[in-house]
Amino acid sequence: MIVDELLDCTAAAPTTLTGDYLGSDEHFATEHLKHLVFDYRDVFPREEVTDLEQHRTDLSADHA
């Protein structure tokens, strides 16, 4: 199955990535992911995750 959905990575291990689903496909989420109180999360094999992007927020910028 090829899925082109956004994932917010919350943990990385040598062979897997864990993350929160950021997409809008409710059917996909309920069928394939673990439902938490407010969102969906799951563990994915690294070889199935493509097009990784890294985003950082400068937390000190608000206090300058």
C-alpha atoms as a PDB file:
ATOM      1  CA  MET A   1       0.000   0.000   0.000  1.00  0.00           C
ATOM      2  CA  ILE A   2       1.347   3.420  -0.949  1.00  0.00           C
ATOM      3  CA  VAL A   3       0.079   6.279   1.169  1.00  0.00           C
ATOM      4  CA  ASP A   4       0.963   9.911   0.592  1.00  0.00           C
ATOM      5  CA  GLU A   5       0.036  11.384   3.958  1.00  0.00           C
ATOM      6  CA  LEU A   6       1.726  13.696   6.431  1.00  0.00           C
ATOM      7  CA  LEU A   7       3.218  12.345   9.627  1.00  0.00           C
ATOM      8  CA  ASP A   8       4.701  14.268  12.536  1.00  0.00           C
ATOM      9  CA  CYS A   9       7.572  12.053  13.693  1.00  0.00           C
ATOM     10  CA  THR A  10       7.689  11.812  17.479  1.00  0.00           C
ATOM     11  CA  ALA A  11      10.327   9.080  17.860  1.00  0.00           C
ATOM     12  CA  ALA A  12      12.986   7.462  15.715  1.00  0.00           C
ATOM     13  CA  ALA A  13      14.590   4.059  16.137  1.00  0.00           C
ATOM     14  CA  PRO A  14      17.127   2.373  13.846  1.00  0.00           C
ATOM     15  CA  THR A  15      14.421   0.559  11.852  1.00  0.00           C
ATOM     16  CA  THR A  16      11.192   2.462  12.606  1.00  0.00           C
ATOM     17  CA  LEU A  17       9.642   5.910  12.925  1.00  0.00           C
ATOM     18  CA  THR A  18       6.757   6.653  15.274  1.00  0.00           C
ATOM     19  CA  GLY A  19       4.503   9.544  14.536  1.00  0.00           C
ATOM     20  CA  ASP A  20       1.196  11.340  14.674  1.00  0.00           C
ATOM     21  CA  TYR A  21      -0.947  11.364  11.550  1.00  0.00           C
ATOM     22  CA  LEU A  22      -1.531  14.882  10.190  1.00  0.00           C
ATOM     23  CA  GLY A  23      -3.593  13.955   7.136  1.00  0.00           C
ATOM     24  CA  SER A  24      -7.305  14.421   6.584  1.00  0.00           C
ATOM     25  CA  ASP A  25      -8.279  10.934   5.367  1.00  0.00           C
ATOM     26  CA  GLU A  26     -10.428   9.732   8.256  1.00  0.00           C
ATOM     27  CA  HIS A  27     -11.078   6.376   6.566  1.00  0.00           C
ATOM     28  CA  PHE A  28      -7.329   5.693   6.181  1.00  0.00           C
ATOM     29  CA  ALA A  29      -6.667   6.711   9.783  1.00  0.00           C
ATOM     30  CA  THR A  30      -9.386   4.565  11.318  1.00  0.00           C
ATOM     31  CA  GLU A  31      -8.498   1.534   9.171  1.00  0.00           C
ATOM     32  CA  HIS A  32      -4.700   1.590   9.557  1.00  0.00           C
ATOM     33  CA  LEU A  33      -3.612   3.597  12.609  1.00  0.00           C
ATOM     34  CA  LYS A  34      -3.963   3.479  16.371  1.00  0.00           C
ATOM     35  CA  HIS A  35      -6.497   5.998  17.655  1.00  0.00           C
ATOM     36  CA  LEU A  36      -5.470   8.074  20.632  1.00  0.00           C
ATOM     37  CA  VAL A  37      -7.653  10.580  22.450  1.00  0.00           C
ATOM     38  CA  PHE A  38      -7.095  13.459  20.007  1.00  0.00           C
ATOM     39  CA  ASP A  39      -5.195  11.976  17.087  1.00  0.00           C
ATOM     40  CA  TYR A  40      -3.887   8.868  15.348  1.00  0.00           C
ATOM     41  CA  ARG A  41      -0.413   7.419  15.880  1.00  0.00           C
ATOM     42  CA  ASP A  42       1.507   4.404  14.682  1.00  0.00           C
ATOM     43  CA  VAL A  43       4.956   2.916  14.097  1.00  0.00           C
ATOM     44  CA  PHE A  44       6.203   2.701  10.506  1.00  0.00           C
ATOM     45  CA  PRO A  45       9.155   0.789   9.008  1.00  0.00           C
ATOM     46  CA  ARG A  46      11.795   3.312   7.873  1.00  0.00           C
ATOM     47  CA  GLU A  47      11.901   1.857   4.359  1.00  0.00           C
ATOM     48  CA  GLU A  48       8.216   2.779   3.931  1.00  0.00           C
ATOM     49  CA  VAL A  49       8.730   6.431   4.890  1.00  0.00           C
ATOM     50  CA  THR A  50       9.868   8.707   2.067  1.00  0.00           C
ATOM     51  CA  ASP A  51      10.289  12.421   1.407  1.00  0.00           C
ATOM     52  CA  LEU A  52      11.360  13.275   4.935  1.00  0.00           C
ATOM     53  CA  GLU A  53      11.460  16.954   5.842  1.00  0.00           C
ATOM     54  CA  GLN A  54      12.860  18.423   9.009  1.00  0.00           C
ATOM     55  CA  HIS A  55      11.146  21.387  10.620  1.00  0.00           C
ATOM     56  CA  ARG A  56      12.413  23.209  13.691  1.00  0.00           C
ATOM     57  CA  THR A  57      10.865  25.924  15.783  1.00  0.00           C
ATOM     58  CA  ASP A  58      13.186  28.380  17.520  1.00  0.00           C
ATOM     59  CA  LEU A  59      11.731  28.374  21.012  1.00  0.00           C
ATOM     60  CA  SER A  60      14.061  31.146  22.170  1.00  0.00           C
ATOM     61  CA  ALA A  61      12.745  33.580  19.541  1.00  0.00           C
ATOM     62  CA  ASP A  62       9.646  34.348  21.637  1.00  0.00           C
ATOM     63  CA  HIS A  63      11.801  35.440  24.569  1.00  0.00           C
ATOM     64  CA  ALA A  64      14.267  37.716  22.792  1.00  0.00           C
END
